[in-house]
């Protein structure tokens, strides 16, 4: 597994790539791709970074695992490839955007359009075995993505972090809220969202309001 990652991220994360935990992770992931069906495709593992440079990053959305169904995952959290049925959590995200901003629900769940505007769509774990949710947890990815969050928190200012659900909120505990804007709510998955606390959170309008207040370009959600 070659670490083919956008240059501004490579520059800042190169020290992580040299650490023993990351070398062990590379060995594990290479073996998994060689012997099992793993998602996303290997060339898309670092898609979140390759579609959103460090310099362009204005918003971070934290997910947990890639989708584990065939053809779904494309390396961006909550996102699926064009032509793939939109998963329930993403349907609820689009419904909230519709209620919040009056935008129609898109026909595709491919969120590359967000990433190219500066939204880092970061899963805590960047790979997963087919039909086996959580199968690549606790192998080293979480340590790497913790380092990513810490890097953003320390080296940037006025980034909006959207933390949906307890897992994301716990992972975001290292964020310096004195210089970044952190928004928290229930997770958009149906069971959580229907229990209350997701719909009506206005995270998308509040994100854009904050960005505009700090002379940053809002996101076209």
C-alpha atoms as a PDB file:
ATOM      1  CA  UNK A   1       0.000   0.000   0.000  1.00  0.00           C
ATOM      2  CA  UNK A   2       1.663   3.176  -1.209  1.00  0.00           C
ATOM      3  CA  UNK A   3       0.722   6.262   0.775  1.00  0.00           C
ATOM      4  CA  UNK A   4      -0.453   8.374  -2.162  1.00  0.00           C
ATOM      5  CA  UNK A   5      -1.795  11.385  -0.389  1.00  0.00           C
ATOM      6  CA  UNK A   6      -2.126  15.020  -1.422  1.00  0.00           C
ATOM      7  CA  UNK A   7       1.114  16.952  -0.926  1.00  0.00           C
ATOM      8  CA  UNK A   8      -0.027  19.428   1.753  1.00  0.00           C
ATOM      9  CA  UNK A   9      -1.230  16.517   3.916  1.00  0.00           C
ATOM     10  CA  UNK A  10       1.848  14.417   3.165  1.00  0.00           C
ATOM     11  CA  UNK A  11       4.058  17.240   4.362  1.00  0.00           C
ATOM     12  CA  UNK A  12       2.249  17.504   7.691  1.00  0.00           C
ATOM     13  CA  UNK A  13       1.627  13.794   8.310  1.00  0.00           C
ATOM     14  CA  UNK A  14       4.941  12.344   7.128  1.00  0.00           C
ATOM     15  CA  UNK A  15       6.074  11.766  10.708  1.00  0.00           C
ATOM     16  CA  UNK A  16       3.024   9.513  11.261  1.00  0.00           C
ATOM     17  CA  UNK A  17       3.939   7.361   8.264  1.00  0.00           C
ATOM     18  CA  UNK A  18       7.301   6.539   9.840  1.00  0.00           C
ATOM     19  CA  UNK A  19       5.902   5.418  13.199  1.00  0.00           C
ATOM     20  CA  UNK A  20       5.824   1.695  14.098  1.00  0.00           C
ATOM     21  CA  UNK A  21       2.013   1.604  14.449  1.00  0.00           C
ATOM     22  CA  UNK A  22       1.583   2.916  10.894  1.00  0.00           C
ATOM     23  CA  UNK A  23       4.089   0.439   9.488  1.00  0.00           C
ATOM     24  CA  UNK A  24       2.147  -2.369  11.194  1.00  0.00           C
ATOM     25  CA  UNK A  25      -1.088  -0.932   9.789  1.00  0.00           C
ATOM     26  CA  UNK A  26       0.356  -0.902   6.257  1.00  0.00           C
ATOM     27  CA  UNK A  27       1.374  -4.557   6.599  1.00  0.00           C
ATOM     28  CA  UNK A  28      -2.100  -5.514   7.830  1.00  0.00           C
ATOM     29  CA  UNK A  29      -3.932  -3.561   5.126  1.00  0.00           C
ATOM     30  CA  UNK A  30      -1.747  -4.910   2.314  1.00  0.00           C
ATOM     31  CA  UNK A  31      -2.439  -8.467   3.468  1.00  0.00           C
ATOM     32  CA  UNK A  32      -6.166  -7.777   3.669  1.00  0.00           C
ATOM     33  CA  UNK A  33      -6.333  -6.364   0.137  1.00  0.00           C
ATOM     34  CA  UNK A  34      -4.322  -9.325  -1.156  1.00  0.00           C
ATOM     35  CA  UNK A  35      -6.538 -11.972   0.409  1.00  0.00           C
ATOM     36  CA  UNK A  36     -10.031 -10.512   0.966  1.00  0.00           C
ATOM     37  CA  UNK A  37     -12.627  -8.164  -0.547  1.00  0.00           C
ATOM     38  CA  UNK A  38     -11.823  -4.795   1.069  1.00  0.00           C
ATOM     39  CA  UNK A  39     -13.475  -1.410   0.596  1.00  0.00           C
ATOM     40  CA  UNK A  40     -12.911   1.207  -0.653  1.00  0.00           C
ATOM     41  CA  UNK A  41     -10.700   0.258  -3.621  1.00  0.00           C
ATOM     42  CA  UNK A  42      -7.068   0.664  -2.548  1.00  0.00           C
ATOM     43  CA  UNK A  43      -6.508   3.718  -4.741  1.00  0.00           C
ATOM     44  CA  UNK A  44      -9.341   5.516  -2.905  1.00  0.00           C
ATOM     45  CA  UNK A  45      -8.197   4.915   0.684  1.00  0.00           C
ATOM     46  CA  UNK A  46      -6.954   8.507   1.004  1.00  0.00           C
ATOM     47  CA  UNK A  47      -9.674  10.098  -1.151  1.00  0.00           C
ATOM     48  CA  UNK A  48     -10.795  12.389   1.681  1.00  0.00           C
ATOM     49  CA  UNK A  49      -7.361  14.027   1.660  1.00  0.00           C
ATOM     50  CA  UNK A  50      -6.854  13.950  -2.096  1.00  0.00           C
ATOM     51  CA  UNK A  51     -10.143  15.773  -2.732  1.00  0.00           C
ATOM     52  CA  UNK A  52      -9.661  18.314   0.075  1.00  0.00           C
ATOM     53  CA  UNK A  53      -6.192  19.739   0.635  1.00  0.00           C
ATOM     54  CA  UNK A  54      -5.035  20.886   4.068  1.00  0.00           C
ATOM     55  CA  UNK A  55      -4.969  24.485   2.875  1.00  0.00           C
ATOM     56  CA  UNK A  56      -8.499  24.323   1.466  1.00  0.00           C
ATOM     57  CA  UNK A  57     -10.028  22.508   4.476  1.00  0.00           C
ATOM     58  CA  UNK A  58     -12.752  24.651   6.070  1.00  0.00           C
ATOM     59  CA  UNK A  59     -15.150  22.005   7.407  1.00  0.00           C
ATOM     60  CA  UNK A  60     -14.547  18.539   8.887  1.00  0.00           C
ATOM     61  CA  UNK A  61     -17.242  15.852   9.107  1.00  0.00           C
ATOM     62  CA  UNK A  62     -16.284  12.792  11.135  1.00  0.00           C
ATOM     63  CA  UNK A  63     -17.590   9.345  10.277  1.00  0.00           C
ATOM     64  CA  UNK A  64     -16.703   5.942  11.689  1.00  0.00           C
ATOM     65  CA  UNK A  65     -16.263   3.150   9.079  1.00  0.00           C
ATOM     66  CA  UNK A  66     -16.514   3.015   5.285  1.00  0.00           C
ATOM     67  CA  UNK A  67     -19.649   1.385   3.900  1.00  0.00           C
ATOM     68  CA  UNK A  68     -19.083  -2.358   3.600  1.00  0.00           C
ATOM     69  CA  UNK A  69     -21.441  -3.135   0.712  1.00  0.00           C
ATOM     70  CA  UNK A  70     -20.136  -3.742  -2.805  1.00  0.00           C
ATOM     71  CA  UNK A  71     -19.563  -0.562  -4.817  1.00  0.00           C
ATOM     72  CA  UNK A  72     -20.617   1.820  -2.060  1.00  0.00           C
ATOM     73  CA  UNK A  73     -17.495   3.252  -0.399  1.00  0.00           C
ATOM     74  CA  UNK A  74     -15.388   5.842  -2.221  1.00  0.00           C
ATOM     75  CA  UNK A  75     -13.114   7.015   0.585  1.00  0.00           C
ATOM     76  CA  UNK A  76     -15.327   9.882   1.763  1.00  0.00           C
ATOM     77  CA  UNK A  77     -17.430   9.454   4.903  1.00  0.00           C
ATOM     78  CA  UNK A  78     -21.198   9.193   4.325  1.00  0.00           C
ATOM     79  CA  UNK A  79     -20.570   9.302   0.543  1.00  0.00           C
ATOM     80  CA  UNK A  80     -21.348   6.612  -2.034  1.00  0.00           C
ATOM     81  CA  UNK A  81     -20.474   6.290  -5.697  1.00  0.00           C
ATOM     82  CA  UNK A  82     -22.760   7.604  -8.421  1.00  0.00           C
ATOM     83  CA  UNK A  83     -25.477   5.121  -9.315  1.00  0.00           C
ATOM     84  CA  UNK A  84     -25.528   3.552  -5.846  1.00  0.00           C
ATOM     85  CA  UNK A  85     -28.689   3.761  -3.756  1.00  0.00           C
ATOM     86  CA  UNK A  86     -28.357   6.548  -1.183  1.00  0.00           C
ATOM     87  CA  UNK A  87     -27.922   4.998   2.304  1.00  0.00           C
ATOM     88  CA  UNK A  88     -30.385   5.869   5.090  1.00  0.00           C
ATOM     89  CA  UNK A  89     -27.993   8.109   7.075  1.00  0.00           C
ATOM     90  CA  UNK A  90     -27.208  10.161   3.986  1.00  0.00           C
ATOM     91  CA  UNK A  91     -30.911  10.388   3.132  1.00  0.00           C
ATOM     92  CA  UNK A  92     -31.430  11.980   6.558  1.00  0.00           C
ATOM     93  CA  UNK A  93     -28.502  14.348   5.970  1.00  0.00           C
ATOM     94  CA  UNK A  94     -30.084  15.460   2.698  1.00  0.00           C
ATOM     95  CA  UNK A  95     -33.496  15.837   4.399  1.00  0.00           C
ATOM     96  CA  UNK A  96     -31.961  18.134   7.015  1.00  0.00           C
ATOM     97  CA  UNK A  97     -30.278  20.199   4.286  1.00  0.00           C
ATOM     98  CA  UNK A  98     -33.640  20.436   2.533  1.00  0.00           C
ATOM     99  CA  UNK A  99     -35.352  21.638   5.720  1.00  0.00           C
ATOM    100  CA  UNK A 100     -32.476  23.902   6.718  1.00  0.00           C
ATOM    101  CA  UNK A 101     -31.590  25.514   3.378  1.00  0.00           C
ATOM    102  CA  UNK A 102     -34.514  24.682   1.100  1.00  0.00           C
ATOM    103  CA  UNK A 103     -32.365  22.662  -1.287  1.00  0.00           C
ATOM    104  CA  UNK A 104     -33.814  19.695  -3.206  1.00  0.00           C
ATOM    105  CA  UNK A 105     -32.604  16.206  -2.309  1.00  0.00           C
ATOM    106  CA  UNK A 106     -29.902  15.203  -4.833  1.00  0.00           C
ATOM    107  CA  UNK A 107     -30.196  12.170  -7.070  1.00  0.00           C
ATOM    108  CA  UNK A 108     -26.671  11.011  -6.159  1.00  0.00           C
ATOM    109  CA  UNK A 109     -24.992  10.326  -2.831  1.00  0.00           C
ATOM    110  CA  UNK A 110     -21.525  11.118  -4.184  1.00  0.00           C
ATOM    111  CA  UNK A 111     -20.165  13.883  -1.935  1.00  0.00           C
ATOM    112  CA  UNK A 112     -17.052  14.696  -3.946  1.00  0.00           C
ATOM    113  CA  UNK A 113     -18.727  18.032  -4.661  1.00  0.00           C
ATOM    114  CA  UNK A 114     -18.498  18.870  -0.944  1.00  0.00           C
ATOM    115  CA  UNK A 115     -14.905  17.674  -0.633  1.00  0.00           C
ATOM    116  CA  UNK A 116     -13.741  19.818  -3.542  1.00  0.00           C
ATOM    117  CA  UNK A 117     -15.131  22.875  -1.727  1.00  0.00           C
ATOM    118  CA  UNK A 118     -13.080  22.229   1.413  1.00  0.00           C
ATOM    119  CA  UNK A 119     -15.113  19.676   3.391  1.00  0.00           C
ATOM    120  CA  UNK A 120     -12.867  16.930   4.797  1.00  0.00           C
ATOM    121  CA  UNK A 121     -15.085  13.825   4.903  1.00  0.00           C
ATOM    122  CA  UNK A 122     -13.008  11.800   7.344  1.00  0.00           C
ATOM    123  CA  UNK A 123     -13.807   8.308   8.553  1.00  0.00           C
ATOM    124  CA  UNK A 124     -12.057   7.229  11.766  1.00  0.00           C
ATOM    125  CA  UNK A 125     -11.198   3.918  10.058  1.00  0.00           C
ATOM    126  CA  UNK A 126     -10.284   4.171   6.384  1.00  0.00           C
ATOM    127  CA  UNK A 127     -10.807   0.557   5.280  1.00  0.00           C
ATOM    128  CA  UNK A 128     -13.233  -2.280   5.959  1.00  0.00           C
ATOM    129  CA  UNK A 129     -13.792  -5.909   4.973  1.00  0.00           C
ATOM    130  CA  UNK A 130     -16.784  -6.663   2.780  1.00  0.00           C
ATOM    131  CA  UNK A 131     -19.965  -7.314   4.778  1.00  0.00           C
ATOM    132  CA  UNK A 132     -18.059  -7.003   8.071  1.00  0.00           C
ATOM    133  CA  UNK A 133     -18.670  -3.639   9.730  1.00  0.00           C
ATOM    134  CA  UNK A 134     -15.889  -2.604  12.095  1.00  0.00           C
ATOM    135  CA  UNK A 135     -13.538  -5.301  10.852  1.00  0.00           C
ATOM    136  CA  UNK A 136     -10.586  -2.908  10.528  1.00  0.00           C
ATOM    137  CA  UNK A 137     -11.113  -1.059  13.786  1.00  0.00           C
ATOM    138  CA  UNK A 138      -8.314  -1.006  16.371  1.00  0.00           C
ATOM    139  CA  UNK A 139      -5.637  -1.770  13.779  1.00  0.00           C
ATOM    140  CA  UNK A 140      -4.092   1.709  13.780  1.00  0.00           C
ATOM    141  CA  UNK A 141      -6.378   3.810  11.609  1.00  0.00           C
ATOM    142  CA  UNK A 142      -7.949   5.556  14.602  1.00  0.00           C
ATOM    143  CA  UNK A 143      -4.525   6.648  15.836  1.00  0.00           C
ATOM    144  CA  UNK A 144      -3.736   8.054  12.402  1.00  0.00           C
ATOM    145  CA  UNK A 145      -7.020   9.935  12.091  1.00  0.00           C
ATOM    146  CA  UNK A 146      -6.621  11.272  15.651  1.00  0.00           C
ATOM    147  CA  UNK A 147      -3.319  12.752  14.447  1.00  0.00           C
ATOM    148  CA  UNK A 148      -5.137  14.316  11.482  1.00  0.00           C
ATOM    149  CA  UNK A 149      -7.698  15.993  13.749  1.00  0.00           C
ATOM    150  CA  UNK A 150      -4.980  17.226  16.104  1.00  0.00           C
ATOM    151  CA  UNK A 151      -3.002  18.611  13.161  1.00  0.00           C
ATOM    152  CA  UNK A 152      -6.018  20.565  11.876  1.00  0.00           C
ATOM    153  CA  UNK A 153      -6.851  21.842  15.351  1.00  0.00           C
ATOM    154  CA  UNK A 154      -3.311  23.025  16.038  1.00  0.00           C
ATOM    155  CA  UNK A 155      -2.279  24.383  12.656  1.00  0.00           C
ATOM    156  CA  UNK A 156      -5.467  25.954  11.321  1.00  0.00           C
ATOM    157  CA  UNK A 157      -8.047  28.440  12.573  1.00  0.00           C
ATOM    158  CA  UNK A 158     -11.795  28.870  12.123  1.00  0.00           C
ATOM    159  CA  UNK A 159     -12.528  25.338  10.927  1.00  0.00           C
ATOM    160  CA  UNK A 160     -16.055  24.015  11.463  1.00  0.00           C
ATOM    161  CA  UNK A 161     -16.196  20.498  12.931  1.00  0.00           C
ATOM    162  CA  UNK A 162     -19.487  18.601  12.596  1.00  0.00           C
ATOM    163  CA  UNK A 163     -19.628  15.854  15.212  1.00  0.00           C
ATOM    164  CA  UNK A 164     -22.656  13.619  14.804  1.00  0.00           C
ATOM    165  CA  UNK A 165     -23.194  11.005  17.477  1.00  0.00           C
ATOM    166  CA  UNK A 166     -21.194   9.998  20.533  1.00  0.00           C
ATOM    167  CA  UNK A 167     -18.393   8.297  18.624  1.00  0.00           C
ATOM    168  CA  UNK A 168     -17.556  11.432  16.629  1.00  0.00           C
ATOM    169  CA  UNK A 169     -17.953  13.641  19.687  1.00  0.00           C
ATOM    170  CA  UNK A 170     -15.539  11.529  21.709  1.00  0.00           C
ATOM    171  CA  UNK A 171     -13.039  11.519  18.851  1.00  0.00           C
ATOM    172  CA  UNK A 172     -13.318  15.303  18.551  1.00  0.00           C
ATOM    173  CA  UNK A 173     -12.446  15.910  22.197  1.00  0.00           C
ATOM    174  CA  UNK A 174      -8.957  17.137  21.201  1.00  0.00           C
ATOM    175  CA  UNK A 175     -10.298  20.040  19.127  1.00  0.00           C
ATOM    176  CA  UNK A 176      -9.393  23.501  20.440  1.00  0.00           C
ATOM    177  CA  UNK A 177     -12.828  25.121  20.643  1.00  0.00           C
ATOM    178  CA  UNK A 178     -11.308  28.528  21.382  1.00  0.00           C
ATOM    179  CA  UNK A 179     -10.309  28.874  17.719  1.00  0.00           C
ATOM    180  CA  UNK A 180     -12.643  26.473  15.913  1.00  0.00           C
ATOM    181  CA  UNK A 181     -16.426  26.061  15.717  1.00  0.00           C
ATOM    182  CA  UNK A 182     -17.700  22.685  16.927  1.00  0.00           C
ATOM    183  CA  UNK A 183     -21.294  21.631  16.248  1.00  0.00           C
ATOM    184  CA  UNK A 184     -22.705  18.485  17.875  1.00  0.00           C
ATOM    185  CA  UNK A 185     -25.933  16.558  17.408  1.00  0.00           C
ATOM    186  CA  UNK A 186     -27.386  13.073  17.311  1.00  0.00           C
ATOM    187  CA  UNK A 187     -26.204  10.815  14.495  1.00  0.00           C
ATOM    188  CA  UNK A 188     -28.243  10.906  11.243  1.00  0.00           C
ATOM    189  CA  UNK A 189     -28.772   7.128  11.188  1.00  0.00           C
ATOM    190  CA  UNK A 190     -32.523   6.356  11.234  1.00  0.00           C
ATOM    191  CA  UNK A 191     -32.667   4.895  14.748  1.00  0.00           C
ATOM    192  CA  UNK A 192     -30.809   7.851  16.231  1.00  0.00           C
ATOM    193  CA  UNK A 193     -32.329  10.584  14.056  1.00  0.00           C
ATOM    194  CA  UNK A 194     -35.902   9.431  14.645  1.00  0.00           C
ATOM    195  CA  UNK A 195     -35.310   9.548  18.410  1.00  0.00           C
ATOM    196  CA  UNK A 196     -34.868  13.310  18.110  1.00  0.00           C
ATOM    197  CA  UNK A 197     -31.882  15.636  18.046  1.00  0.00           C
ATOM    198  CA  UNK A 198     -30.875  15.312  14.410  1.00  0.00           C
ATOM    199  CA  UNK A 199     -33.608  16.999  12.429  1.00  0.00           C
ATOM    200  CA  UNK A 200     -33.668  20.710  13.069  1.00  0.00           C
ATOM    201  CA  UNK A 201     -30.015  20.977  14.127  1.00  0.00           C
ATOM    202  CA  UNK A 202     -29.415  23.566  11.361  1.00  0.00           C
ATOM    203  CA  UNK A 203     -25.772  22.500  11.121  1.00  0.00           C
ATOM    204  CA  UNK A 204     -25.512  23.422   7.458  1.00  0.00           C
ATOM    205  CA  UNK A 205     -26.829  26.971   7.733  1.00  0.00           C
ATOM    206  CA  UNK A 206     -24.882  27.508  10.960  1.00  0.00           C
ATOM    207  CA  UNK A 207     -21.699  26.286   9.253  1.00  0.00           C
ATOM    208  CA  UNK A 208     -22.139  28.746   6.407  1.00  0.00           C
ATOM    209  CA  UNK A 209     -23.004  31.593   8.756  1.00  0.00           C
ATOM    210  CA  UNK A 210     -19.802  30.994  10.725  1.00  0.00           C
ATOM    211  CA  UNK A 211     -17.683  30.772   7.570  1.00  0.00           C
ATOM    212  CA  UNK A 212     -19.111  34.013   6.219  1.00  0.00           C
ATOM    213  CA  UNK A 213     -18.560  35.759   9.557  1.00  0.00           C
ATOM    214  CA  UNK A 214     -14.867  34.825   9.254  1.00  0.00           C
ATOM    215  CA  UNK A 215     -14.574  35.932   5.621  1.00  0.00           C
ATOM    216  CA  UNK A 216     -14.502  32.358   4.345  1.00  0.00           C
ATOM    217  CA  UNK A 217     -16.484  31.079   1.385  1.00  0.00           C
ATOM    218  CA  UNK A 218     -19.625  29.159   2.429  1.00  0.00           C
ATOM    219  CA  UNK A 219     -20.261  25.600   1.269  1.00  0.00           C
ATOM    220  CA  UNK A 220     -22.718  24.897  -1.528  1.00  0.00           C
ATOM    221  CA  UNK A 221     -24.449  21.986   0.203  1.00  0.00           C
END
